[in-house]
C-alpha atoms as a PDB file:
ATOM      1  CA  MET A   1       0.000   0.000   0.000  1.00  0.00           C
ATOM      2  CA  LYS A   2       1.502   3.294  -1.095  1.00  0.00           C
ATOM      3  CA  ARG A   3       1.729   5.874   1.643  1.00  0.00           C
ATOM      4  CA  LEU A   4       1.187   9.428   0.412  1.00  0.00           C
ATOM      5  CA  ARG A   5       2.558  12.527   2.096  1.00  0.00           C
ATOM      6  CA  LEU A   6       0.217  15.379   2.958  1.00  0.00           C
ATOM      7  CA  LEU A   7       3.090  17.798   3.596  1.00  0.00           C
ATOM      8  CA  PRO A   8       5.888  16.631   1.276  1.00  0.00           C
ATOM      9  CA  HIS A   9       7.763  19.923   1.726  1.00  0.00           C
ATOM     10  CA  ARG A  10       8.306  19.205   5.412  1.00  0.00           C
ATOM     11  CA  SER A  11      11.316  17.026   6.251  1.00  0.00           C
ATOM     12  CA  PHE A  12      10.933  14.028   8.500  1.00  0.00           C
ATOM     13  CA  PRO A  13      13.002  13.994  11.702  1.00  0.00           C
ATOM     14  CA  GLY A  14      16.493  12.486  11.583  1.00  0.00           C
ATOM     15  CA  TYR A  15      15.267   9.355  13.358  1.00  0.00           C
ATOM     16  CA  ALA A  16      12.114   7.704  14.715  1.00  0.00           C
ATOM     17  CA  TYR A  17      12.496   7.907  18.471  1.00  0.00           C
ATOM     18  CA  LEU A  18      12.241   4.798  20.605  1.00  0.00           C
ATOM     19  CA  PRO A  19      12.825   5.298  24.344  1.00  0.00           C
ATOM     20  CA  GLY A  20      16.280   4.248  25.455  1.00  0.00           C
ATOM     21  CA  ARG A  21      17.543   3.670  21.928  1.00  0.00           C
ATOM     22  CA  GLN A  22      18.137   7.178  20.601  1.00  0.00           C
ATOM     23  CA  PRO A  23      18.671  10.567  22.230  1.00  0.00           C
ATOM     24  CA  HIS A  24      15.442  11.980  23.624  1.00  0.00           C
ATOM     25  CA  PRO A  25      14.214  14.309  20.867  1.00  0.00           C
ATOM     26  CA  VAL A  26      13.599  17.390  23.025  1.00  0.00           C
ATOM     27  CA  ARG A  27      15.547  16.868  26.266  1.00  0.00           C
ATOM     28  CA  ASP A  28      18.887  15.658  24.888  1.00  0.00           C
ATOM     29  CA  PRO A  29      21.155  18.155  23.070  1.00  0.00           C
ATOM     30  CA  ALA A  30      21.646  15.461  20.391  1.00  0.00           C
ATOM     31  CA  GLY A  31      17.865  15.103  19.957  1.00  0.00           C
ATOM     32  CA  HIS A  32      16.278  15.802  16.590  1.00  0.00           C
ATOM     33  CA  SER A  33      14.001  18.472  18.088  1.00  0.00           C
ATOM     34  CA  TYR A  34      16.224  19.882  20.802  1.00  0.00           C
ATOM     35  CA  ARG A  35      15.485  23.577  21.282  1.00  0.00           C
ATOM     36  CA  VAL A  36      13.004  23.587  18.413  1.00  0.00           C
ATOM     37  CA  GLN A  37      10.371  26.117  19.337  1.00  0.00           C
ATOM     38  CA  PRO A  38       6.792  24.871  19.140  1.00  0.00           C
ATOM     39  CA  VAL A  39       4.706  26.457  16.434  1.00  0.00           C
ATOM     40  CA  PRO A  40       1.378  28.078  17.325  1.00  0.00           C
ATOM     41  CA  VAL A  41      -1.413  25.673  16.455  1.00  0.00           C
ATOM     42  CA  SER A  42      -5.156  25.733  16.182  1.00  0.00           C
ATOM     43  CA  ALA A  43      -7.166  22.639  16.979  1.00  0.00           C
ATOM     44  CA  SER A  44      -8.498  21.906  13.523  1.00  0.00           C
ATOM     45  CA  LEU A  45      -8.696  18.945  11.169  1.00  0.00           C
ATOM     46  CA  ASP A  46      -7.555  21.333   8.446  1.00  0.00           C
ATOM     47  CA  SER A  47      -4.393  22.458  10.217  1.00  0.00           C
ATOM     48  CA  ASP A  48      -0.917  21.686   8.953  1.00  0.00           C
ATOM     49  CA  GLU A  49      -0.083  20.188  12.345  1.00  0.00           C
ATOM     50  CA  PHE A  50      -2.944  17.675  12.046  1.00  0.00           C
ATOM     51  CA  ALA A  51      -1.682  16.731   8.560  1.00  0.00           C
ATOM     52  CA  TRP A  52       1.888  16.535   9.911  1.00  0.00           C
ATOM     53  CA  GLY A  53       0.688  14.035  12.516  1.00  0.00           C
ATOM     54  CA  HIS A  54      -0.769  11.955   9.670  1.00  0.00           C
ATOM     55  CA  ASP A  55       2.505  11.981   7.754  1.00  0.00           C
ATOM     56  CA  LEU A  56       4.525  11.050  10.817  1.00  0.00           C
ATOM     57  CA  PHE A  57       2.108   8.265  11.799  1.00  0.00           C
ATOM     58  CA  ASN A  58       1.807   6.809   8.308  1.00  0.00           C
ATOM     59  CA  PHE A  59       5.578   6.580   7.917  1.00  0.00           C
ATOM     60  CA  GLY A  60       6.318   5.034  11.328  1.00  0.00           C
ATOM     61  CA  TYR A  61       7.342   8.089  13.370  1.00  0.00           C
ATOM     62  CA  TYR A  62       4.945   7.258  16.191  1.00  0.00           C
ATOM     63  CA  TRP A  63       6.528   9.211  19.051  1.00  0.00           C
ATOM     64  CA  GLU A  64       6.731  12.253  16.794  1.00  0.00           C
ATOM     65  CA  ALA A  65       3.095  11.872  15.636  1.00  0.00           C
ATOM     66  CA  HIS A  66       2.079  11.694  19.282  1.00  0.00           C
ATOM     67  CA  GLU A  67       3.854  15.009  19.894  1.00  0.00           C
ATOM     68  CA  ALA A  68       2.262  16.688  16.856  1.00  0.00           C
ATOM     69  CA  TRP A  69      -1.248  15.673  17.881  1.00  0.00           C
ATOM     70  CA  GLU A  70      -0.641  16.448  21.547  1.00  0.00           C
ATOM     71  CA  GLY A  71      -0.053  20.095  20.684  1.00  0.00           C
ATOM     72  CA  LEU A  72      -3.486  20.183  19.047  1.00  0.00           C
ATOM     73  CA  TRP A  73      -5.086  18.247  21.909  1.00  0.00           C
ATOM     74  CA  GLN A  74      -3.779  20.781  24.414  1.00  0.00           C
ATOM     75  CA  VAL A  75      -5.619  23.647  22.695  1.00  0.00           C
ATOM     76  CA  ALA A  76      -8.789  21.707  21.767  1.00  0.00           C
ATOM     77  CA  GLY A  77     -11.869  22.523  23.820  1.00  0.00           C
ATOM     78  CA  ARG A  78     -12.346  20.306  26.853  1.00  0.00           C
ATOM     79  CA  GLY A  79     -15.108  17.753  26.431  1.00  0.00           C
ATOM     80  CA  THR A  80     -15.319  18.202  22.659  1.00  0.00           C
ATOM     81  CA  PRO A  81     -15.418  15.342  20.160  1.00  0.00           C
ATOM     82  CA  LEU A  82     -12.293  16.780  18.503  1.00  0.00           C
ATOM     83  CA  ARG A  83     -10.387  16.500  21.768  1.00  0.00           C
ATOM     84  CA  ALA A  84     -11.499  12.855  22.130  1.00  0.00           C
ATOM     85  CA  LEU A  85     -10.398  12.122  18.557  1.00  0.00           C
ATOM     86  CA  LEU A  86      -6.984  13.678  19.158  1.00  0.00           C
ATOM     87  CA  LYS A  87      -6.524  11.747  22.405  1.00  0.00           C
ATOM     88  CA  GLY A  88      -7.424   8.554  20.540  1.00  0.00           C
ATOM     89  CA  LEU A  89      -4.775   9.312  17.905  1.00  0.00           C
ATOM     90  CA  ILE A  90      -2.213  10.107  20.610  1.00  0.00           C
ATOM     91  CA  LEU A  91      -2.887   6.763  22.287  1.00  0.00           C
ATOM     92  CA  LEU A  92      -2.771   4.956  18.945  1.00  0.00           C
ATOM     93  CA  SER A  93       0.649   6.512  18.319  1.00  0.00           C
ATOM     94  CA  ALA A  94       1.767   5.369  21.769  1.00  0.00           C
ATOM     95  CA  ALA A  95       0.624   1.855  20.840  1.00  0.00           C
ATOM     96  CA  GLY A  96       2.826   2.085  17.731  1.00  0.00           C
ATOM     97  CA  VAL A  97       5.834   2.958  19.905  1.00  0.00           C
ATOM     98  CA  LYS A  98       5.113   0.034  22.237  1.00  0.00           C
ATOM     99  CA  ILE A  99       4.725  -2.396  19.330  1.00  0.00           C
ATOM    100  CA  ARG A 100       8.117  -1.276  17.995  1.00  0.00           C
ATOM    101  CA  GLU A 101       9.595  -1.762  21.466  1.00  0.00           C
ATOM    102  CA  GLY A 102       8.158  -5.289  21.614  1.00  0.00           C
ATOM    103  CA  LYS A 103       5.947  -4.411  24.604  1.00  0.00           C
ATOM    104  CA  ARG A 104       2.738  -6.162  23.610  1.00  0.00           C
ATOM    105  CA  THR A 105       0.856  -5.679  26.898  1.00  0.00           C
ATOM    106  CA  ALA A 106       1.478  -1.927  26.890  1.00  0.00           C
ATOM    107  CA  ALA A 107       0.587  -1.746  23.181  1.00  0.00           C
ATOM    108  CA  MET A 108      -2.713  -3.531  23.842  1.00  0.00           C
ATOM    109  CA  ARG A 109      -3.490  -1.193  26.746  1.00  0.00           C
ATOM    110  CA  HIS A 110      -2.861   1.947  24.650  1.00  0.00           C
ATOM    111  CA  ALA A 111      -4.740   0.564  21.644  1.00  0.00           C
ATOM    112  CA  GLY A 112      -7.659  -0.405  23.865  1.00  0.00           C
ATOM    113  CA  ARG A 113      -7.844   3.064  25.391  1.00  0.00           C
ATOM    114  CA  ALA A 114      -7.618   4.607  21.903  1.00  0.00           C
ATOM    115  CA  ALA A 115     -10.390   2.328  20.654  1.00  0.00           C
ATOM    116  CA  GLY A 116     -12.623   3.250  23.590  1.00  0.00           C
ATOM    117  CA  LEU A 117     -12.299   6.948  22.820  1.00  0.00           C
ATOM    118  CA  LEU A 118     -12.772   6.446  19.091  1.00  0.00           C
ATOM    119  CA  ARG A 119     -15.900   4.333  19.616  1.00  0.00           C
ATOM    120  CA  GLN A 120     -17.434   7.115  21.714  1.00  0.00           C
ATOM    121  CA  LEU A 121     -17.596   9.182  18.525  1.00  0.00           C
ATOM    122  CA  ARG A 122     -20.734   7.371  17.397  1.00  0.00           C
ATOM    123  CA  ILE A 123     -22.777  10.372  16.391  1.00  0.00           C
ATOM    124  CA  PRO A 124     -22.279  11.307  12.762  1.00  0.00           C
ATOM    125  CA  HIS A 125     -18.767  12.705  12.501  1.00  0.00           C
ATOM    126  CA  GLN A 126     -18.282  12.817   8.754  1.00  0.00           C
ATOM    127  CA  PRO A 127     -15.437  15.335   9.059  1.00  0.00           C
ATOM    128  CA  PHE A 128     -13.616  12.825  11.300  1.00  0.00           C
ATOM    129  CA  SER A 129     -14.175   9.986   8.834  1.00  0.00           C
ATOM    130  CA  ASP A 130     -12.987  12.197   5.992  1.00  0.00           C
ATOM    131  CA  ALA A 131      -9.867  13.245   7.936  1.00  0.00           C
ATOM    132  CA  LEU A 132      -9.026   9.664   8.948  1.00  0.00           C
ATOM    133  CA  GLY A 133      -9.928   8.026   5.650  1.00  0.00           C
ATOM    134  CA  MET A 134     -12.196   5.674   7.636  1.00  0.00           C
ATOM    135  CA  SER A 135     -14.749   5.861  10.407  1.00  0.00           C
ATOM    136  CA  PRO A 136     -13.441   6.269  13.956  1.00  0.00           C
ATOM    137  CA  ALA A 137     -15.087   2.913  14.797  1.00  0.00           C
ATOM    138  CA  LEU A 138     -13.178   1.121  12.018  1.00  0.00           C
ATOM    139  CA  LEU A 139      -9.939   2.748  13.175  1.00  0.00           C
ATOM    140  CA  ALA A 140     -10.714   1.465  16.688  1.00  0.00           C
ATOM    141  CA  ASP A 141     -11.141  -2.088  15.360  1.00  0.00           C
ATOM    142  CA  LEU A 142      -7.913  -1.909  13.338  1.00  0.00           C
ATOM    143  CA  ALA A 143      -5.966  -0.520  16.292  1.00  0.00           C
ATOM    144  CA  GLU A 144      -7.049  -3.342  18.591  1.00  0.00           C
ATOM    145  CA  ALA A 145      -6.425  -5.999  15.942  1.00  0.00           C
ATOM    146  CA  THR A 146      -2.879  -4.779  15.336  1.00  0.00           C
ATOM    147  CA  ALA A 147      -2.033  -4.580  19.035  1.00  0.00           C
ATOM    148  CA  SER A 148      -3.437  -8.046  19.782  1.00  0.00           C
ATOM    149  CA  ALA A 149      -1.571  -9.630  16.844  1.00  0.00           C
ATOM    150  CA  PRO A 150       1.414  -7.352  16.280  1.00  0.00           C
ATOM    151  CA  PRO A 151       3.300  -7.656  13.017  1.00  0.00           C
ATOM    152  CA  ILE A 152       6.678  -9.290  12.757  1.00  0.00           C
ATOM    153  CA  LEU A 153       9.058  -6.375  12.701  1.00  0.00           C
ATOM    154  CA  GLN A 154      11.841  -6.050  10.178  1.00  0.00           C
ATOM    155  CA  VAL A 155      15.395  -5.590  11.351  1.00  0.00           C
ATOM    156  CA  THR A 156      16.031  -1.929  10.665  1.00  0.00           C
ATOM    157  CA  ALA A 157      18.923   0.385  11.336  1.00  0.00           C
ATOM    158  CA  PRO A 158      18.686   2.181  14.687  1.00  0.00           C
ATOM    159  CA  GLY A 159      16.309   5.110  14.417  1.00  0.00           C
ATOM    160  CA  GLN A 160      14.876   3.945  11.107  1.00  0.00           C
ATOM    161  CA  PRO A 161      11.077   4.392  11.093  1.00  0.00           C
ATOM    162  CA  GLU A 162       8.970   1.296  10.625  1.00  0.00           C
ATOM    163  CA  PRO A 163       5.223   1.395  10.075  1.00  0.00           C
ATOM    164  CA  VAL A 164       3.619  -1.330  12.187  1.00  0.00           C
ATOM    165  CA  PHE A 165      -0.028  -0.817  11.244  1.00  0.00           C
ATOM    166  CA  ASP A 166      -1.296  -2.349   7.999  1.00  0.00           C
ATOM    167  CA  PHE A 167      -3.492   0.692   7.378  1.00  0.00           C
ATOM    168  CA  HIS A 168      -2.705   4.329   6.892  1.00  0.00           C
ATOM    169  CA  LEU A 169      -4.657   7.386   7.772  1.00  0.00           C
ATOM    170  CA  GLY A 170      -6.303   8.996   4.758  1.00  0.00           C
ATOM    171  CA  THR A 171      -6.365  12.526   3.566  1.00  0.00           C
ATOM    172  CA  HIS A 172      -8.974  15.098   4.379  1.00  0.00           C
END
């Protein structure tokens, strides 16, 4: 399945962070985002930062996708469906990190929490389905399926991204 970039002009980080294996991206002076100032964001499905999270997620930069979506989550209105969607994507990204680390129990816990939030979005949320390329409920099912039967990972160079989900998030 071909993975398309939403923001091809934006460069991916120098490595896909896995805890304990590379320098911490923001705390370590050798980190890929050390002293990078956060950009102002608006909590919107149409924002560049939301699209950047898609690109990072789809190409196996799960920790980085988590960070991109967390910035949006922090400014999203409390109790809103958008905030629940963003939290679900953050947890799904965390599950991707745990799968790459070989921590199946933690991956299942994060994927389960993500699925619970995504399934709460039962009322018609066509903008969410359009942004994800699938319904939130289908994404919940796929997240749990991947975490319960994680893929066999390829041997990659340290810091090399590796998509672990057999789906990708669509365009909006």
